[in-house]
Structures are given as C-alpha cells and as structure tokens.
Amino acid sequence: MKLGGRLTGHFLARVALLLTALGAVFLVWILIASYLTVQANSTGAGVGSAQIVREAASETTVGPDGALVLSPKLIADAARAGIWVQVLDENGDEVTQTGRPANIPTHYTPGKLVLYRQQPGSDGLDQRSISSWAATIGGHDLTFVAGLPGSAPSGPSIMLNSRVNSPEPPTFWTLLAGLLIAGAVVTIGVAWLFGRSLARPLVHMMDWLSGLARGEYAEPVDKRNRPVSRTEDGTMLRRPYATYREVFGSLDTLTAELRSTAEERARIEAARDEWLASVSHDLRTPLTSVKGYAEMLASTYDFDAEEVRRQAGVIATQAGHMDALLDDMNLSFRLRSDALVLDKQRIDLVELVREAAVDLANDPRAADRTVAFDEPAGVGAVNVSADAKLLRRALANLLVNAAVHNPAGTTVRASVTHEGPWAIVRVTDDGVGMDEATRARLFDRYFRGTASSSSAEGTGLGMAITREIAIAHGGTIEVASTRGAGTTVQIALPAS
C-alpha cells in the first residue's frame, strides 16, 4: 500500500475509533440511566400512577358478597409509592379506594376525568399526575383512577417503557452532563492520540533533517542511544513510524549518501593537504640546487665551456628529478583519492611480466645483475582485467627496486602463476634482504631503504604507488624478506 493509502486508512481508523468510543460512552450512559430508573422503581420512589392503575385493573377482584376487593399487594405498592387509587362504576361514582386525599372528588364526569388527566393540578387537586384505565370485572364496566400528589414535573424525562417512570429531573440533568463530559473527554482523547500518532514521526523526521543540515549524518537516538523509530533489534519501524516507511527509507539512503560524501570529501582534502605539503617539502632540495647553479651561471665569473656544461647538466638532472617527483606525487594523489579512472582491458599477464623483465635486462641500472623470467609451464595465457599502463608501472617499480637495492651479481627473477581465482606475480631476488623494521615500512610514502648499492635517487613513492595500483585493481601486495637471504614481493590480482 502506498503512503497516501496508508494515511487515509490511518485517518479512517481513528474516525472509527472515535465513533466506537462515543457509542460505548452512550451505551454506558443508557445502562446507568436504566439502573437508576430501576432502582427508583424498585424502592417505590419512581413508580408512577400509570403503572399503579394498570396493576389495579389487573389485580382487583370481586368478593363473595359481590363487593370489589383491592389486592393487598396493590395497596402496599401504592402506599410505598405515595399513590392513591379509586375504582369508579359505570356512572362515575367511587366504588372503592385506597389512600385517596380528601380534596379528590368521588364522582367524575367523562369530561372532568379527561381534564384531570391532562391537567392534574386543575381545580385545586394539586396532583403531579393522574392516570386512568378501563376494565370489565365481574360483569361491571369499571374505571380505575390513580394519582400522585405533588406539583406537576418540569424538565425532561427518560421513557424506558410505558410501565416505568423516569428518574427525577435533577438526576436526568446530572446524567446528561455526565454524557456530555464523557463524550468531550473521549473526543479530545482520540484527537490527541490521532495527532500524536501523526505528529511524532513528522517531528522526528524534521529533527533528522535538521541534524543532516548540521552535518550529523545519523538518525536521532533516544536516551538508550537507539534510533527512536526502530524496534529493540533495530530491524523494523515502530508504530506509527511504519506509516511513513517510504520516507524513512529515503532518509536512510540520503543519510548514507551524505555520510559517504562527507567521508570522501574529508579523505580527498587530507590527501590534497598531504600532497601540497609533500610538494613544498620535496621540491625544496632540487629547487635549491637549481637556483644555486643558475645564480653561479648568472654571475660575472667567466666560466669555461666545460664548467658551463657540467653545471647545466646538474640543473637538467635536478629538473628531471622534480618532473619525476611531480608525476609520482600526482599519480599517488589520484590513486589515493580514487580520482583516477582505470582504463581496464583484458590483458595477458604472462606477456606483460615478460616485457617488464626484458626492459629491466636492458636497463643500465641492472648492469652486473642477472634478470630471469620463469615461463609458467602448461598454463598458457593468464588473463586479468587491468590498466596495462599502470600495471606495467607497478611491475617496473618492483623489478628496478630489486636491482638497484642489491649488489652486483644478484639474480632478479619474475614469475606468473594462476592459483584459484587469483593471478599471482612474484618478483624474487637473492640479494641482501631486509630487516623487519625496513620490511614493515616498505610501502610507506617517501621511505627509502638503506640497503642500496646505487647512488641513484628515487622519489620515495615507487613502492607506495605500486601498492596503490594493486589495491585499485582489487588485488593485494605482500612482501617476505630475510636479512641476507633475499626478498620476495607478491602481487595477487583477480583473474579473468
């Protein structure tokens, strides 16, 4: 169900709850009114003349002597309720009675009886109510009259049935006030519940959005450090938050994306700051050298041609070093900040490593070193999806390091194997090896090992760049070395 449908259902459910609650209140009110009315009638306080006159007509009998006899029960009920009873014959004359006041006539004309029933207080009768009933008993047409002394009632009444009188008006007004108050309380309670169930999620979402605006990339939590909208295990939304599940899903996604963006921005800014610091630090030495030799050439001293060429050569060397340093720093920064888009292609790793070994064998820096490539027997092509230019750069760094940091006579060996889902490249030498401290820092930026037989200066970024290239391709790099027993560096890449 979509959000709009759930909100409509939520509203209709609350309306149904309100109507049900009001109906329950009214039912309780009816039950209370009935109870009070029954209580009043059971004690006689609420028994009316209409009930007594019917009872008289049904319970009056003819005695052995032909006289009419009112039952003892009727006489007792009438006395308890304060009601008088008369029995009239066909001519309107009183035949018998019980409890009749002195001001009540003993003879009625049909017109007078109708008048007294309609206006029980007329002619000074001072009656609250007068009722009559006609019945034939013992062959005689009789009229039964019952009256309740007192002033005529004013105000509303409750008619439960024709034989039960209403409670007194004060009781009725009390019941009516109770009904109105209970209805108001129920209405306000349901409205509060409805408003709270709709408002709490909205307020929570506004707090969440405000937190995102302040850079707080997480859902607000309660005192128990638990997201307010979640259940105890944190897997489901609580009621009524589940009504807005699409909105909460979007907020979760937005929060995750903003958090990721903030972390990425922080990482890029840290890499940029590091890059700027590295540029200012690492370019200072070659720039100082270039500046010094340039000032010497610009001086008034008369240098001969050989000295000019030597100093110009130093300047060119330092400029080349600065150019290489800038290239390495730029490549390292782009790799670390994921700003470099890899041009991945399906390449044969065996052929790539073979070419890198041949390049090292022809490099003057590998003079007096033996360079070997171990062809994988029976394997054929070992394919990987990689950026050939970057991967060649990583292999060249490993091979050149193995050559320049070991003495003449060292054998540098490259090999390729296919092990399960991985394509493995190993560069092994039998040179001087490394101690544990040097091995642990081998891939640190600007770290240069001390065991070198070459005076050639590098940028100090080669091994760090190699590691970053391997990681960018989804691979790993490991080094194993023992002092005096050589070194093995292994790159594992996902095989295609």
Protein backbone atom coordinates (compact mmCIF):
# COMPACT_ATOMS: atom_id res chain seq x y z
CA MET A 1 0.00 0.00 0.00
CA LYS A 2 1.29 3.44 -0.93
CA LEU A 3 1.81 6.23 1.57
CA GLY A 4 -1.38 8.06 0.59
CA GLY A 5 -3.49 4.93 1.07
CA ARG A 6 -1.93 4.22 4.47
CA LEU A 7 -2.56 7.79 5.64
CA THR A 8 -6.20 7.53 4.51
CA GLY A 9 -6.56 4.20 6.31
CA HIS A 10 -4.90 5.68 9.39
CA PHE A 11 -7.41 8.57 9.39
CA LEU A 12 -10.42 6.31 8.85
CA ALA A 13 -9.25 4.01 11.65
CA ARG A 14 -9.12 6.94 14.06
CA VAL A 15 -12.59 8.11 12.97
CA ALA A 16 -13.91 4.59 13.53
CA LEU A 17 -12.22 4.56 16.94
CA LEU A 18 -13.86 7.88 17.81
CA LEU A 19 -17.32 6.67 16.77
CA THR A 20 -16.84 3.41 18.65
CA ALA A 21 -15.72 5.22 21.78
CA LEU A 22 -18.65 7.65 21.63
CA GLY A 23 -21.03 4.74 21.09
CA ALA A 24 -19.56 2.98 24.12
CA VAL A 25 -19.97 6.14 26.21
CA PHE A 26 -23.62 6.45 25.14
CA LEU A 27 -24.23 2.77 25.89
CA VAL A 28 -22.75 3.18 29.36
CA TRP A 29 -24.93 6.25 29.85
CA ILE A 30 -28.05 4.27 28.89
CA LEU A 31 -27.09 1.49 31.28
CA ILE A 32 -26.56 3.93 34.13
CA ALA A 33 -29.88 5.69 33.41
CA SER A 34 -31.63 2.33 33.30
CA TYR A 35 -30.04 1.28 36.55
CA LEU A 36 -31.07 4.49 38.31
CA THR A 37 -34.60 4.20 36.93
CA VAL A 38 -34.92 0.58 38.00
CA GLN A 39 -33.54 1.47 41.42
CA ALA A 40 -36.09 4.25 41.78
CA ASN A 41 -38.95 1.95 40.78
CA SER A 42 -37.76 -0.90 42.99
CA THR A 43 -37.93 1.37 46.04
CA GLY A 44 -41.28 2.85 45.01
CA ALA A 45 -39.83 6.31 44.55
CA GLY A 46 -40.06 6.01 40.84
CA VAL A 47 -43.30 4.05 40.47
CA GLY A 48 -45.85 6.19 38.66
CA SER A 49 -49.61 6.41 38.60
CA ALA A 50 -49.74 4.82 35.14
CA GLN A 51 -48.07 1.67 36.47
CA ILE A 52 -50.28 1.50 39.58
CA VAL A 53 -53.53 2.00 37.67
CA ARG A 54 -52.68 -0.91 35.37
CA GLU A 55 -51.75 -3.05 38.35
CA ALA A 56 -55.10 -2.15 40.00
CA ALA A 57 -57.05 -3.13 36.87
CA SER A 58 -55.28 -6.49 36.68
CA GLU A 59 -55.36 -7.42 40.38
CA THR A 60 -58.83 -6.18 41.56
CA THR A 61 -61.31 -8.99 42.18
CA VAL A 62 -64.99 -9.46 43.22
CA GLY A 63 -65.58 -10.84 46.73
CA PRO A 64 -68.15 -13.46 47.75
CA ASP A 65 -70.56 -10.71 48.66
CA GLY A 66 -70.22 -9.10 45.24
CA ALA A 67 -68.02 -6.24 46.52
CA LEU A 68 -64.82 -5.21 44.72
CA VAL A 69 -61.62 -6.11 46.59
CA LEU A 70 -58.26 -4.38 46.03
CA SER A 71 -55.37 -6.79 46.44
CA PRO A 72 -53.08 -6.31 49.46
CA LYS A 73 -50.07 -6.12 47.13
CA LEU A 74 -51.61 -3.25 45.18
CA ILE A 75 -52.45 -1.41 48.39
CA ALA A 76 -48.86 -1.89 49.62
CA ASP A 77 -47.30 -0.84 46.28
CA ALA A 78 -49.50 2.26 46.11
CA ALA A 79 -48.74 3.24 49.69
CA ARG A 80 -44.97 2.78 49.15
CA ALA A 81 -45.10 4.96 46.03
CA GLY A 82 -47.41 7.57 47.68
CA ILE A 83 -50.13 6.99 45.08
CA TRP A 84 -53.89 6.89 45.71
CA VAL A 85 -56.31 4.66 43.79
CA GLN A 86 -60.06 4.93 43.05
CA VAL A 87 -62.44 2.49 41.38
CA LEU A 88 -65.46 4.08 39.62
CA ASP A 89 -68.60 2.41 38.41
CA GLU A 90 -70.45 2.98 35.14
CA ASN A 91 -71.86 6.29 36.44
CA GLY A 92 -68.52 7.68 37.52
CA ASP A 93 -69.17 7.14 41.23
CA GLU A 94 -66.48 5.86 43.52
CA VAL A 95 -66.92 2.18 44.48
CA THR A 96 -63.73 1.68 46.48
CA GLN A 97 -60.41 3.41 47.03
CA THR A 98 -57.09 3.40 48.86
CA GLY A 99 -55.08 6.40 50.02
CA ARG A 100 -57.35 8.98 48.36
CA PRO A 101 -56.74 12.56 49.64
CA ALA A 102 -59.75 14.50 50.90
CA ASN A 103 -59.67 17.01 48.02
CA ILE A 104 -60.07 14.35 45.39
CA PRO A 105 -63.70 14.04 44.14
CA THR A 106 -65.66 10.81 44.50
CA HIS A 107 -67.66 11.39 41.33
CA TYR A 108 -66.34 12.18 37.85
CA THR A 109 -67.98 13.09 34.62
CA PRO A 110 -66.21 11.81 31.49
CA GLY A 111 -65.14 15.35 30.60
CA LYS A 112 -63.72 16.05 34.07
CA LEU A 113 -61.73 12.82 34.06
CA VAL A 114 -60.15 13.75 30.73
CA LEU A 115 -59.37 17.24 32.05
CA TYR A 116 -57.75 15.92 35.22
CA ARG A 117 -55.62 13.52 33.23
CA GLN A 118 -54.39 16.35 31.02
CA GLN A 119 -54.11 18.95 33.79
CA PRO A 120 -53.63 17.10 37.10
CA GLY A 121 -53.22 20.34 39.00
CA SER A 122 -56.56 21.95 37.93
CA ASP A 123 -59.49 22.64 40.28
CA GLY A 124 -57.14 22.73 43.25
CA LEU A 125 -56.40 18.99 43.03
CA ASP A 126 -52.64 19.72 43.36
CA GLN A 127 -51.65 16.42 41.75
CA ARG A 128 -48.43 15.63 39.98
CA SER A 129 -50.07 13.07 37.71
CA ILE A 130 -53.47 11.39 37.28
CA SER A 131 -53.91 8.22 35.22
CA SER A 132 -56.97 6.17 34.35
CA TRP A 133 -57.70 2.73 32.98
CA ALA A 134 -60.96 0.98 31.99
CA ALA A 135 -61.65 -2.70 32.61
CA THR A 136 -64.68 -5.07 32.97
CA ILE A 137 -64.66 -7.12 36.17
CA GLY A 138 -67.50 -9.36 37.35
CA GLY A 139 -69.76 -8.06 34.57
CA HIS A 140 -69.26 -4.45 35.65
CA ASP A 141 -67.63 -1.75 33.47
CA LEU A 142 -65.20 -0.11 35.86
CA THR A 143 -62.84 2.85 35.61
CA PHE A 144 -59.64 2.85 37.65
CA VAL A 145 -58.09 6.21 38.60
CA ALA A 146 -54.67 6.66 40.23
CA GLY A 147 -52.94 9.88 41.19
CA LEU A 148 -49.63 11.07 42.62
CA PRO A 149 -49.87 14.14 44.85
CA GLY A 150 -47.47 16.99 44.30
CA SER A 151 -46.64 19.65 41.76
CA ALA A 152 -46.58 18.73 38.10
CA PRO A 153 -42.99 17.85 36.98
CA SER A 154 -40.97 20.27 34.88
CA GLY A 155 -37.98 19.42 32.70
CA PRO A 156 -37.03 16.44 30.51
CA SER A 157 -37.61 12.81 31.34
CA ILE A 158 -36.42 9.42 30.10
CA MET A 159 -39.03 6.96 28.89
CA LEU A 160 -37.66 3.44 29.18
CA ASN A 161 -41.07 1.81 28.76
CA SER A 162 -44.69 2.61 29.46
CA ARG A 163 -44.66 0.98 32.90
CA VAL A 164 -41.54 2.58 34.33
CA ASN A 165 -41.28 6.20 35.38
CA SER A 166 -38.31 8.43 34.62
CA PRO A 167 -35.76 9.45 37.27
CA GLU A 168 -36.20 12.89 38.77
CA PRO A 169 -35.13 15.89 36.59
CA PRO A 170 -32.01 16.63 38.72
CA THR A 171 -30.89 13.07 38.14
CA PHE A 172 -31.59 13.47 34.44
CA TRP A 173 -29.55 16.67 34.22
CA THR A 174 -26.69 15.00 36.08
CA LEU A 175 -26.78 12.09 33.64
CA LEU A 176 -26.89 14.46 30.66
CA ALA A 177 -23.92 16.46 31.99
CA GLY A 178 -22.02 13.21 32.52
CA LEU A 179 -22.78 12.15 28.94
CA LEU A 180 -21.52 15.45 27.51
CA ILE A 181 -18.37 15.45 29.66
CA ALA A 182 -17.58 11.81 28.83
CA GLY A 183 -18.15 12.47 25.13
CA ALA A 184 -15.86 15.50 25.24
CA VAL A 185 -13.16 13.56 27.07
CA VAL A 186 -13.35 10.70 24.57
CA THR A 187 -13.29 13.08 21.60
CA ILE A 188 -10.29 15.00 22.96
CA GLY A 189 -8.52 11.76 23.86
CA VAL A 190 -8.96 10.26 20.40
CA ALA A 191 -7.95 13.56 18.78
CA TRP A 192 -4.82 13.68 20.97
CA LEU A 193 -3.99 10.09 20.06
CA PHE A 194 -4.55 10.81 16.38
CA GLY A 195 -2.48 13.98 16.46
CA ARG A 196 0.33 12.33 18.41
CA SER A 197 0.47 9.34 16.08
CA LEU A 198 0.76 11.65 13.07
CA ALA A 199 2.94 14.35 14.63
CA ARG A 200 5.61 12.21 16.33
CA PRO A 201 7.01 10.78 13.08
CA LEU A 202 6.89 14.22 11.42
CA VAL A 203 8.74 15.86 14.33
CA HIS A 204 11.30 13.03 14.28
CA MET A 205 11.85 13.48 10.55
CA MET A 206 12.28 17.25 10.99
CA ASP A 207 14.86 16.63 13.74
CA TRP A 208 16.61 14.19 11.43
CA LEU A 209 16.71 16.71 8.56
CA SER A 210 17.94 19.43 10.92
CA GLY A 211 20.73 17.11 12.04
CA LEU A 212 21.69 16.45 8.42
CA ALA A 213 21.85 20.20 7.83
CA ARG A 214 24.25 20.47 10.80
CA GLY A 215 26.44 17.69 9.44
CA GLU A 216 25.15 14.96 11.80
CA TYR A 217 24.82 12.03 9.41
CA ALA A 218 22.82 9.66 11.61
CA GLU A 219 19.23 9.19 12.73
CA PRO A 220 18.45 10.88 16.09
CA VAL A 221 18.51 8.46 19.02
CA ASP A 222 16.71 8.24 22.35
CA LYS A 223 18.17 8.09 25.86
CA ARG A 224 19.16 4.46 25.30
CA ASN A 225 21.17 5.50 22.24
CA ARG A 226 18.71 3.69 19.98
CA PRO A 227 17.03 5.21 16.90
CA VAL A 228 13.61 6.45 18.02
CA SER A 229 11.78 4.97 15.06
CA ARG A 230 13.22 1.45 15.38
CA THR A 231 12.24 -1.63 17.35
CA GLU A 232 14.53 -3.10 20.01
CA ASP A 233 16.54 -5.12 17.48
CA GLY A 234 16.71 -2.14 15.11
CA THR A 235 15.39 -4.11 12.12
CA MET A 236 11.83 -2.76 11.86
CA LEU A 237 10.00 0.52 12.18
CA ARG A 238 7.76 1.03 15.20
CA ARG A 239 4.19 2.17 15.03
CA PRO A 240 3.23 4.79 13.92
CA TYR A 241 6.57 5.35 12.12
CA ALA A 242 5.83 2.40 9.82
CA THR A 243 3.12 4.51 8.16
CA TYR A 244 5.91 6.62 6.64
CA ARG A 245 8.19 3.70 5.69
CA GLU A 246 8.98 5.13 2.22
CA VAL A 247 10.01 8.46 3.74
CA PHE A 248 12.22 6.76 6.33
CA GLY A 249 13.78 4.62 3.60
CA SER A 250 14.61 7.76 1.61
CA LEU A 251 16.05 9.43 4.72
CA ASP A 252 18.22 6.36 5.39
CA THR A 253 19.52 6.46 1.82
CA LEU A 254 20.10 10.22 1.96
CA THR A 255 21.93 9.93 5.29
CA ALA A 256 24.18 7.16 3.99
CA GLU A 257 25.00 9.09 0.82
CA LEU A 258 25.72 12.32 2.69
CA ARG A 259 27.90 10.44 5.20
CA SER A 260 29.79 8.76 2.36
CA THR A 261 30.20 12.08 0.57
CA ALA A 262 31.46 13.77 3.73
CA GLU A 263 33.94 10.97 4.39
CA GLU A 264 35.10 11.05 0.78
CA ARG A 265 35.49 14.82 0.91
CA ALA A 266 37.48 14.57 4.13
CA ARG A 267 39.69 11.88 2.62
CA ILE A 268 40.32 13.91 -0.54
CA GLU A 269 41.06 17.05 1.48
CA ALA A 270 43.50 15.12 3.64
CA ALA A 271 45.20 13.71 0.54
CA ARG A 272 45.31 17.18 -1.02
CA ASP A 273 46.85 18.68 2.10
CA GLU A 274 49.38 15.87 2.18
CA TRP A 275 50.13 16.40 -1.50
CA LEU A 276 50.65 20.14 -1.02
CA ALA A 277 52.88 19.53 1.99
CA SER A 278 54.85 16.97 0.01
CA VAL A 279 55.29 19.31 -2.93
CA SER A 280 56.55 22.14 -0.75
CA HIS A 281 58.91 19.81 1.12
CA ASP A 282 60.27 17.53 -1.60
CA LEU A 283 60.77 20.19 -4.25
CA ARG A 284 62.75 22.42 -1.93
CA THR A 285 66.05 20.48 -2.24
CA PRO A 286 66.20 20.23 -6.06
CA LEU A 287 64.95 23.79 -6.40
CA THR A 288 67.72 24.97 -4.10
CA SER A 289 70.26 23.14 -6.25
CA VAL A 290 68.83 24.55 -9.48
CA LYS A 291 68.73 28.04 -8.00
CA GLY A 292 72.34 27.79 -6.79
CA TYR A 293 73.76 26.64 -10.10
CA ALA A 294 71.66 29.17 -12.01
CA GLU A 295 72.96 32.01 -9.83
CA MET A 296 76.50 30.78 -10.42
CA LEU A 297 75.97 30.82 -14.19
CA ALA A 298 74.38 34.26 -13.97
CA SER A 299 77.33 35.69 -12.04
CA THR A 300 80.14 37.77 -13.61
CA TYR A 301 82.60 34.92 -13.23
CA ASP A 302 83.97 33.79 -16.57
CA PHE A 303 83.27 30.02 -16.68
CA ASP A 304 84.88 27.92 -19.37
CA ALA A 305 82.70 25.83 -21.64
CA GLU A 306 83.28 22.56 -19.72
CA GLU A 307 82.16 24.10 -16.40
CA VAL A 308 79.06 25.58 -18.03
CA ARG A 309 78.13 22.18 -19.47
CA ARG A 310 78.68 20.48 -16.08
CA GLN A 311 76.57 22.97 -14.18
CA ALA A 312 73.85 22.92 -16.85
CA GLY A 313 73.87 19.13 -16.59
CA VAL A 314 73.29 19.36 -12.85
CA ILE A 315 70.38 21.76 -13.44
CA ALA A 316 68.90 19.42 -16.07
CA THR A 317 69.26 16.43 -13.72
CA GLN A 318 67.54 18.23 -10.87
CA ALA A 319 64.80 19.46 -13.18
CA GLY A 320 64.23 15.89 -14.36
CA HIS A 321 64.09 14.76 -10.73
CA MET A 322 61.49 17.42 -9.98
CA ASP A 323 59.49 16.40 -13.03
CA ALA A 324 59.52 12.74 -11.95
CA LEU A 325 58.65 13.70 -8.38
CA LEU A 326 55.66 15.76 -9.54
CA ASP A 327 54.45 12.91 -11.75
CA ASP A 328 54.74 10.41 -8.90
CA MET A 329 53.03 12.69 -6.39
CA ASN A 330 50.21 13.43 -8.84
CA LEU A 331 49.71 9.72 -9.59
CA SER A 332 49.80 8.84 -5.87
CA PHE A 333 47.27 11.55 -5.03
CA ARG A 334 44.87 10.45 -7.77
CA LEU A 335 45.13 6.81 -6.72
CA ARG A 336 44.61 7.56 -3.03
CA SER A 337 41.60 9.81 -3.70
CA ASP A 338 40.03 7.46 -6.29
CA ALA A 339 40.22 10.29 -8.80
CA LEU A 340 41.97 8.16 -11.42
CA VAL A 341 39.73 6.32 -13.88
CA LEU A 342 41.34 3.00 -14.78
CA ASP A 343 41.45 2.08 -18.45
CA LYS A 344 40.85 -1.61 -17.84
CA GLN A 345 41.34 -4.09 -20.63
CA ARG A 346 41.74 -7.84 -20.86
CA ILE A 347 45.48 -8.42 -20.94
CA ASP A 348 47.81 -11.42 -20.77
CA LEU A 349 49.73 -11.04 -17.51
CA VAL A 350 52.41 -13.52 -18.67
CA GLU A 351 53.29 -11.37 -21.67
CA LEU A 352 53.22 -8.16 -19.60
CA VAL A 353 55.63 -9.53 -16.99
CA ARG A 354 57.92 -10.92 -19.69
CA GLU A 355 58.16 -7.50 -21.34
CA ALA A 356 58.88 -5.84 -17.98
CA ALA A 357 61.71 -8.34 -17.32
CA VAL A 358 63.20 -7.65 -20.76
CA ASP A 359 63.07 -3.89 -20.10
CA LEU A 360 64.96 -4.37 -16.82
CA ALA A 361 67.58 -6.55 -18.52
CA ASN A 362 68.27 -3.68 -20.96
CA ASP A 363 68.31 -1.02 -18.20
CA PRO A 364 71.79 0.26 -17.27
CA ARG A 365 70.75 0.23 -13.61
CA ALA A 366 70.58 -3.57 -13.81
CA ALA A 367 74.16 -3.95 -15.11
CA ASP A 368 76.01 -6.84 -13.50
CA ARG A 369 72.64 -8.31 -12.32
CA THR A 370 71.01 -11.41 -13.75
CA VAL A 371 67.40 -10.92 -14.82
CA ALA A 372 65.30 -14.06 -15.36
CA PHE A 373 61.68 -14.75 -16.25
CA ASP A 374 60.14 -18.10 -15.35
CA GLU A 375 57.69 -19.13 -18.05
CA PRO A 376 54.65 -20.86 -16.41
CA ALA A 377 54.69 -24.42 -17.75
CA GLY A 378 51.44 -25.65 -19.30
CA VAL A 379 49.46 -22.62 -18.20
CA GLY A 380 49.37 -20.56 -21.34
CA ALA A 381 47.86 -17.08 -21.04
CA VAL A 382 46.93 -15.77 -17.59
CA ASN A 383 44.38 -13.04 -18.27
CA VAL A 384 43.43 -10.17 -15.97
CA SER A 385 41.27 -7.07 -16.37
CA ALA A 386 43.66 -4.21 -15.73
CA ASP A 387 45.02 -0.87 -16.82
CA ALA A 388 48.08 -2.04 -18.74
CA LYS A 389 49.99 1.23 -18.35
CA LEU A 390 49.57 1.37 -14.56
CA LEU A 391 50.26 -2.33 -14.08
CA ARG A 392 53.45 -2.03 -16.17
CA ARG A 393 54.45 0.89 -13.93
CA ALA A 394 53.95 -1.24 -10.79
CA LEU A 395 55.98 -4.16 -12.23
CA ALA A 396 58.78 -1.82 -13.29
CA ASN A 397 58.95 -0.37 -9.76
CA LEU A 398 59.32 -3.84 -8.24
CA LEU A 399 61.94 -5.02 -10.72
CA VAL A 400 64.03 -1.83 -10.62
CA ASN A 401 63.95 -1.78 -6.80
CA ALA A 402 65.14 -5.39 -6.72
CA ALA A 403 68.05 -4.43 -8.99
CA VAL A 404 69.22 -1.10 -7.57
CA HIS A 405 68.94 -2.04 -3.89
CA ASN A 406 71.08 -5.16 -4.24
CA PRO A 407 74.79 -5.61 -5.11
CA ALA A 408 76.26 -6.75 -8.40
CA GLY A 409 75.77 -10.46 -9.06
CA THR A 410 72.25 -10.52 -7.67
CA THR A 411 69.68 -12.54 -9.59
CA VAL A 412 66.28 -10.90 -10.06
CA ARG A 413 63.56 -13.38 -11.04
CA ALA A 414 59.97 -12.70 -12.19
CA SER A 415 57.25 -15.33 -12.45
CA VAL A 416 53.48 -15.66 -13.07
CA THR A 417 51.15 -18.37 -11.75
CA HIS A 418 47.39 -18.96 -11.73
CA GLU A 419 46.17 -20.00 -8.28
CA GLY A 420 42.41 -20.43 -7.94
CA PRO A 421 40.67 -17.10 -8.65
CA TRP A 422 43.96 -15.19 -8.45
CA ALA A 423 46.69 -14.36 -10.92
CA ILE A 424 49.97 -14.16 -8.96
CA VAL A 425 53.06 -12.16 -9.93
CA ARG A 426 56.23 -12.74 -7.88
CA VAL A 427 59.46 -10.74 -8.05
CA THR A 428 62.24 -12.52 -6.16
CA ASP A 429 65.88 -11.65 -5.59
CA ASP A 430 68.70 -13.36 -3.74
CA GLY A 431 70.20 -10.11 -2.53
CA VAL A 432 70.81 -8.61 0.89
CA GLY A 433 67.21 -8.80 2.10
CA MET A 434 65.64 -6.52 4.70
CA ASP A 435 65.23 -6.46 8.44
CA GLU A 436 61.75 -6.44 9.98
CA ALA A 437 61.66 -2.66 10.52
CA THR A 438 62.50 -1.96 6.89
CA ARG A 439 60.01 -4.56 5.63
CA ALA A 440 57.22 -3.06 7.75
CA ARG A 441 57.79 0.40 6.24
CA LEU A 442 58.47 -0.69 2.68
CA PHE A 443 55.20 0.70 1.31
CA ASP A 444 55.30 3.97 3.27
CA ARG A 445 55.41 7.13 1.24
CA TYR A 446 58.88 8.74 0.96
CA PHE A 447 60.55 5.80 2.71
CA ARG A 448 63.90 4.78 1.26
CA GLY A 449 65.64 1.66 2.44
CA THR A 450 69.25 1.94 3.50
CA ALA A 451 70.48 -1.23 1.83
CA SER A 452 71.22 0.21 -1.58
CA SER A 453 74.23 -0.20 -3.79
CA SER A 454 73.25 2.58 -6.13
CA SER A 455 73.61 6.26 -5.71
CA ALA A 456 70.62 6.92 -7.94
CA GLU A 457 67.97 8.89 -6.15
CA GLY A 458 64.31 7.98 -6.44
CA THR A 459 61.23 9.89 -5.38
CA GLY A 460 60.48 7.62 -2.43
CA LEU A 461 56.98 6.99 -3.80
CA GLY A 462 57.61 3.95 -6.03
CA MET A 463 56.57 1.18 -3.62
CA ALA A 464 53.65 3.22 -2.24
CA ILE A 465 52.40 3.76 -5.81
CA THR A 466 52.82 0.03 -6.54
CA ARG A 467 50.67 -0.85 -3.54
CA GLU A 468 48.00 1.68 -4.51
CA ILE A 469 47.91 0.33 -8.10
CA ALA A 470 47.41 -3.22 -6.81
CA ILE A 471 44.58 -2.12 -4.48
CA ALA A 472 42.94 -0.06 -7.25
CA HIS A 473 42.73 -3.27 -9.31
CA GLY A 474 41.10 -5.17 -6.44
CA GLY A 475 44.29 -7.01 -5.58
CA THR A 476 46.79 -7.31 -2.76
CA ILE A 477 50.54 -6.98 -2.34
CA GLU A 478 52.73 -8.79 0.17
CA VAL A 479 56.45 -8.84 0.90
CA ALA A 480 58.59 -11.53 2.52
CA SER A 481 62.26 -10.92 3.27
CA THR A 482 65.06 -12.21 5.45
CA ARG A 483 68.21 -10.30 6.13
CA GLY A 484 70.97 -11.81 3.96
CA ALA A 485 68.60 -14.22 2.18
CA GLY A 486 66.81 -12.06 -0.38
CA THR A 487 63.32 -10.67 -0.83
CA THR A 488 60.06 -11.79 -2.49
CA VAL A 489 57.27 -9.36 -3.38
CA GLN A 490 53.94 -10.86 -4.50
CA ILE A 491 51.03 -9.15 -6.24
CA ALA A 492 47.72 -11.03 -6.42
CA LEU A 493 45.12 -9.82 -8.95
CA PRO A 494 41.65 -11.23 -9.74
CA ALA A 495 41.98 -13.46 -12.78
CA SER A 496 39.59 -13.01 -15.70
